[in-house]
Structures are given as C-alpha cells and as structure tokens.
Amino acid sequence: MNKLMVTLISLATLGLGIAVPLQANAQPVKQTTKVALESKHRPEYRVQYHHPNQKKWINAGTFRDRASADKEVQKLEHKGYTAQIVTL
C-alpha cells in the first residue's frame, strides 16, 4: 500500500513538473485585429451646410452612398443654403 501511494505521488509530481513548463512555453492565441475589420470599410459622405451670411458649417447628415448625399445637397441648396459633401 505504501509503495502504491509513493508511486502515485511520484507520477502526479512528474506530470505536474512536465505540464507547467509546457504551459509556460505555450504561444498566445492570435486575436482578431482591427485591420481585418477596417479593410471592409466603405466610404461615407457627410453633408454640411451654412447660410450665406454665416461661416460655421452645420452637419446635415452622414450617408453611405453618394447619390443620397447629392440629393440632400440639392434640397439644402434649393432652400438657399450653401452645401458641400465631405468624404470620410
């Protein structure tokens, strides 16, 4: 019985002695980077406007496609504002 306990304790210690250095040398798991997410970035278009007697630009909205931004610019110019499209 004593020999069996000593053998089991020896095997457990040996297994722990091998597992700890292997775990310390393990390579970290590669994490998802922002570069992969940014590679799918689509251009966005911000429409800004101001009244002719003011200098401060006001944001009218952000659009995913140029056609929608152009429509918004036309609406604002029809109302008498000066409008521009800024690509983000």
N, C-alpha and C. Protein backbone atom coordinates (compact mmCIF):
# COMPACT_ATOMS: atom_id res chain seq x y z
N MET A 1 0.82 -1.19 0.00
CA MET A 1 0.00 0.00 0.00
C MET A 1 0.86 1.25 0.00
N ASN A 2 1.94 1.22 0.80
CA ASN A 2 2.85 2.36 0.86
C ASN A 2 3.53 2.60 -0.48
N LYS A 3 3.96 1.51 -1.12
CA LYS A 3 4.64 1.64 -2.41
C LYS A 3 3.68 2.20 -3.46
N LEU A 4 2.43 1.80 -3.40
CA LEU A 4 1.43 2.29 -4.34
C LEU A 4 1.22 3.79 -4.17
N MET A 5 1.13 4.27 -2.94
CA MET A 5 0.95 5.70 -2.67
C MET A 5 2.17 6.49 -3.14
N VAL A 6 3.35 5.99 -2.88
CA VAL A 6 4.58 6.67 -3.30
C VAL A 6 4.63 6.73 -4.82
N THR A 7 4.24 5.66 -5.49
CA THR A 7 4.26 5.62 -6.95
C THR A 7 3.25 6.62 -7.52
N LEU A 8 2.06 6.67 -6.95
CA LEU A 8 1.06 7.60 -7.43
C LEU A 8 1.48 9.05 -7.21
N ILE A 9 2.05 9.33 -6.06
CA ILE A 9 2.53 10.69 -5.78
C ILE A 9 3.67 11.05 -6.71
N SER A 10 4.56 10.12 -7.00
CA SER A 10 5.68 10.36 -7.91
C SER A 10 5.17 10.65 -9.32
N LEU A 11 4.20 9.87 -9.79
CA LEU A 11 3.64 10.09 -11.13
C LEU A 11 2.92 11.44 -11.21
N ALA A 12 2.19 11.79 -10.17
CA ALA A 12 1.48 13.07 -10.17
C ALA A 12 2.47 14.23 -10.18
N THR A 13 3.54 14.13 -9.41
CA THR A 13 4.56 15.17 -9.36
C THR A 13 5.28 15.27 -10.70
N LEU A 14 5.57 14.14 -11.31
CA LEU A 14 6.23 14.12 -12.60
C LEU A 14 5.34 14.76 -13.67
N GLY A 15 4.06 14.42 -13.66
CA GLY A 15 3.13 15.02 -14.63
C GLY A 15 3.00 16.52 -14.44
N LEU A 16 2.97 16.98 -13.18
CA LEU A 16 2.88 18.40 -12.90
C LEU A 16 4.18 19.09 -13.31
N GLY A 17 5.29 18.44 -13.10
CA GLY A 17 6.59 19.01 -13.47
C GLY A 17 6.74 19.17 -14.97
N ILE A 18 6.11 18.30 -15.75
CA ILE A 18 6.18 18.40 -17.21
C ILE A 18 5.15 19.40 -17.73
N ALA A 19 3.97 19.42 -17.15
CA ALA A 19 2.87 20.26 -17.64
C ALA A 19 3.14 21.75 -17.42
N VAL A 20 3.73 22.12 -16.31
CA VAL A 20 3.96 23.53 -16.01
C VAL A 20 4.92 24.18 -17.00
N PRO A 21 6.08 23.59 -17.31
CA PRO A 21 6.95 24.24 -18.30
C PRO A 21 6.32 24.28 -19.69
N LEU A 22 5.54 23.27 -20.07
CA LEU A 22 4.88 23.28 -21.37
C LEU A 22 3.86 24.41 -21.46
N GLN A 23 3.16 24.63 -20.36
CA GLN A 23 2.17 25.69 -20.34
C GLN A 23 2.85 27.05 -20.40
N ALA A 24 3.99 27.21 -19.77
CA ALA A 24 4.72 28.48 -19.78
C ALA A 24 5.26 28.80 -21.17
N ASN A 25 5.61 27.79 -21.95
CA ASN A 25 6.16 28.00 -23.29
C ASN A 25 5.09 28.07 -24.37
N ALA A 26 3.84 27.91 -23.99
CA ALA A 26 2.76 27.90 -24.98
C ALA A 26 2.66 29.27 -25.66
N GLN A 27 2.34 29.27 -26.94
CA GLN A 27 2.19 30.51 -27.69
C GLN A 27 0.81 31.12 -27.40
N PRO A 28 0.73 32.45 -27.33
CA PRO A 28 -0.57 33.06 -27.09
C PRO A 28 -1.49 32.88 -28.30
N VAL A 29 -2.77 32.85 -28.04
CA VAL A 29 -3.75 32.68 -29.10
C VAL A 29 -3.83 33.98 -29.90
N LYS A 30 -3.80 33.86 -31.23
CA LYS A 30 -3.85 35.04 -32.08
C LYS A 30 -5.24 35.67 -31.99
N GLN A 31 -5.27 36.96 -31.68
CA GLN A 31 -6.54 37.65 -31.53
C GLN A 31 -6.93 38.34 -32.83
N THR A 32 -8.21 38.58 -33.01
CA THR A 32 -8.70 39.28 -34.20
C THR A 32 -8.20 40.72 -34.14
N THR A 33 -7.68 41.19 -35.24
CA THR A 33 -7.16 42.55 -35.27
C THR A 33 -8.16 43.49 -35.93
N LYS A 34 -7.99 44.76 -35.66
CA LYS A 34 -8.87 45.77 -36.24
C LYS A 34 -8.59 45.95 -37.73
N VAL A 35 -7.40 45.57 -38.17
CA VAL A 35 -7.06 45.74 -39.58
C VAL A 35 -8.02 44.96 -40.46
N ALA A 36 -8.36 43.75 -40.05
CA ALA A 36 -9.28 42.93 -40.84
C ALA A 36 -10.66 43.58 -40.92
N LEU A 37 -11.09 44.20 -39.83
CA LEU A 37 -12.40 44.84 -39.82
C LEU A 37 -12.38 46.13 -40.64
N GLU A 38 -11.28 46.86 -40.59
CA GLU A 38 -11.18 48.13 -41.32
C GLU A 38 -11.01 47.92 -42.82
N SER A 39 -10.57 46.75 -43.23
CA SER A 39 -10.39 46.52 -44.66
C SER A 39 -11.73 46.49 -45.39
N LYS A 40 -12.82 46.27 -44.66
CA LYS A 40 -14.15 46.25 -45.26
C LYS A 40 -14.84 47.62 -45.13
N HIS A 41 -14.08 48.64 -44.76
CA HIS A 41 -14.64 49.97 -44.55
C HIS A 41 -15.12 50.57 -45.86
N ARG A 42 -16.34 51.04 -45.87
CA ARG A 42 -16.91 51.71 -47.03
C ARG A 42 -16.79 53.21 -46.84
N PRO A 43 -16.62 53.94 -47.91
CA PRO A 43 -16.59 55.40 -47.75
C PRO A 43 -17.96 55.93 -47.33
N GLU A 44 -17.96 56.93 -46.50
CA GLU A 44 -19.19 57.58 -46.08
C GLU A 44 -19.10 59.04 -46.50
N TYR A 45 -20.24 59.63 -46.70
CA TYR A 45 -20.30 61.00 -47.18
C TYR A 45 -21.08 61.85 -46.17
N ARG A 46 -20.44 62.90 -45.69
CA ARG A 46 -21.08 63.81 -44.75
C ARG A 46 -21.49 65.07 -45.50
N VAL A 47 -22.73 65.46 -45.32
CA VAL A 47 -23.24 66.68 -45.95
C VAL A 47 -23.21 67.79 -44.91
N GLN A 48 -22.59 68.91 -45.29
CA GLN A 48 -22.52 70.08 -44.41
C GLN A 48 -23.12 71.27 -45.14
N TYR A 49 -23.70 72.19 -44.37
CA TYR A 49 -24.30 73.36 -45.00
C TYR A 49 -24.13 74.58 -44.10
N HIS A 50 -24.28 75.76 -44.69
CA HIS A 50 -24.33 77.00 -43.92
C HIS A 50 -25.10 78.06 -44.71
N HIS A 51 -25.59 79.03 -43.99
CA HIS A 51 -26.30 80.14 -44.62
C HIS A 51 -25.25 81.12 -45.15
N PRO A 52 -25.51 81.77 -46.25
CA PRO A 52 -24.51 82.66 -46.85
C PRO A 52 -23.94 83.73 -45.90
N ASN A 53 -24.71 84.21 -44.93
CA ASN A 53 -24.18 85.23 -44.03
C ASN A 53 -23.52 84.65 -42.77
N GLN A 54 -23.38 83.35 -42.71
CA GLN A 54 -22.70 82.70 -41.58
C GLN A 54 -21.51 81.91 -42.09
N LYS A 55 -20.51 81.72 -41.22
CA LYS A 55 -19.31 80.99 -41.64
C LYS A 55 -19.25 79.57 -41.07
N LYS A 56 -20.02 79.30 -40.05
CA LYS A 56 -19.96 77.99 -39.39
C LYS A 56 -20.74 76.95 -40.18
N TRP A 57 -20.08 75.81 -40.47
CA TRP A 57 -20.72 74.70 -41.19
C TRP A 57 -21.50 73.84 -40.21
N ILE A 58 -22.67 73.40 -40.62
CA ILE A 58 -23.55 72.56 -39.80
C ILE A 58 -23.69 71.22 -40.51
N ASN A 59 -23.61 70.12 -39.75
CA ASN A 59 -23.76 68.78 -40.34
C ASN A 59 -25.23 68.48 -40.59
N ALA A 60 -25.53 68.10 -41.82
CA ALA A 60 -26.91 67.75 -42.19
C ALA A 60 -27.14 66.25 -42.08
N GLY A 61 -26.06 65.46 -42.13
CA GLY A 61 -26.20 64.01 -42.03
C GLY A 61 -25.03 63.30 -42.67
N THR A 62 -24.97 61.99 -42.42
CA THR A 62 -23.94 61.13 -42.99
C THR A 62 -24.64 60.06 -43.81
N PHE A 63 -24.14 59.84 -45.04
CA PHE A 63 -24.79 58.93 -45.98
C PHE A 63 -23.80 57.88 -46.46
N ARG A 64 -24.29 56.68 -46.75
CA ARG A 64 -23.43 55.60 -47.22
C ARG A 64 -23.16 55.66 -48.71
N ASP A 65 -24.06 56.28 -49.46
CA ASP A 65 -23.83 56.35 -50.91
C ASP A 65 -23.88 57.81 -51.37
N ARG A 66 -23.16 58.07 -52.43
CA ARG A 66 -23.01 59.42 -52.94
C ARG A 66 -24.33 59.99 -53.47
N ALA A 67 -25.16 59.15 -54.06
CA ALA A 67 -26.43 59.61 -54.61
C ALA A 67 -27.33 60.23 -53.53
N SER A 68 -27.40 59.59 -52.38
CA SER A 68 -28.22 60.11 -51.28
C SER A 68 -27.66 61.44 -50.78
N ALA A 69 -26.34 61.52 -50.72
CA ALA A 69 -25.70 62.77 -50.28
C ALA A 69 -25.98 63.89 -51.29
N ASP A 70 -25.91 63.57 -52.58
CA ASP A 70 -26.21 64.57 -53.62
C ASP A 70 -27.65 65.08 -53.52
N LYS A 71 -28.59 64.18 -53.25
CA LYS A 71 -29.99 64.58 -53.10
C LYS A 71 -30.16 65.56 -51.93
N GLU A 72 -29.47 65.27 -50.84
CA GLU A 72 -29.56 66.14 -49.66
C GLU A 72 -28.95 67.51 -49.96
N VAL A 73 -27.85 67.53 -50.69
CA VAL A 73 -27.23 68.80 -51.08
C VAL A 73 -28.19 69.61 -51.94
N GLN A 74 -28.85 68.97 -52.89
CA GLN A 74 -29.80 69.68 -53.75
C GLN A 74 -30.96 70.27 -52.95
N LYS A 75 -31.46 69.52 -51.97
CA LYS A 75 -32.54 70.02 -51.12
C LYS A 75 -32.10 71.27 -50.35
N LEU A 76 -30.88 71.19 -49.78
CA LEU A 76 -30.39 72.32 -48.99
C LEU A 76 -30.12 73.54 -49.86
N GLU A 77 -29.57 73.32 -51.05
CA GLU A 77 -29.30 74.44 -51.95
C GLU A 77 -30.61 75.07 -52.44
N HIS A 78 -31.64 74.26 -52.61
CA HIS A 78 -32.95 74.77 -53.01
C HIS A 78 -33.53 75.68 -51.91
N LYS A 79 -33.21 75.37 -50.66
CA LYS A 79 -33.69 76.18 -49.53
C LYS A 79 -32.86 77.45 -49.33
N GLY A 80 -31.77 77.60 -50.10
CA GLY A 80 -30.96 78.82 -50.01
C GLY A 80 -29.67 78.67 -49.23
N TYR A 81 -29.32 77.46 -48.83
CA TYR A 81 -28.08 77.23 -48.10
C TYR A 81 -26.95 76.91 -49.08
N THR A 82 -25.72 77.12 -48.63
CA THR A 82 -24.56 76.65 -49.34
C THR A 82 -24.23 75.28 -48.75
N ALA A 83 -24.08 74.26 -49.58
CA ALA A 83 -23.87 72.90 -49.08
C ALA A 83 -22.66 72.28 -49.74
N GLN A 84 -22.04 71.33 -49.02
CA GLN A 84 -20.88 70.59 -49.55
C GLN A 84 -20.92 69.17 -49.05
N ILE A 85 -20.21 68.29 -49.76
CA ILE A 85 -20.09 66.88 -49.36
C ILE A 85 -18.64 66.64 -48.97
N VAL A 86 -18.45 66.04 -47.80
CA VAL A 86 -17.13 65.69 -47.29
C VAL A 86 -17.04 64.17 -47.23
N THR A 87 -16.04 63.58 -47.88
CA THR A 87 -15.86 62.13 -47.85
C THR A 87 -15.09 61.74 -46.59
N LEU A 88 -15.62 60.78 -45.86
CA LEU A 88 -14.98 60.32 -44.62
C LEU A 88 -14.14 59.09 -44.88
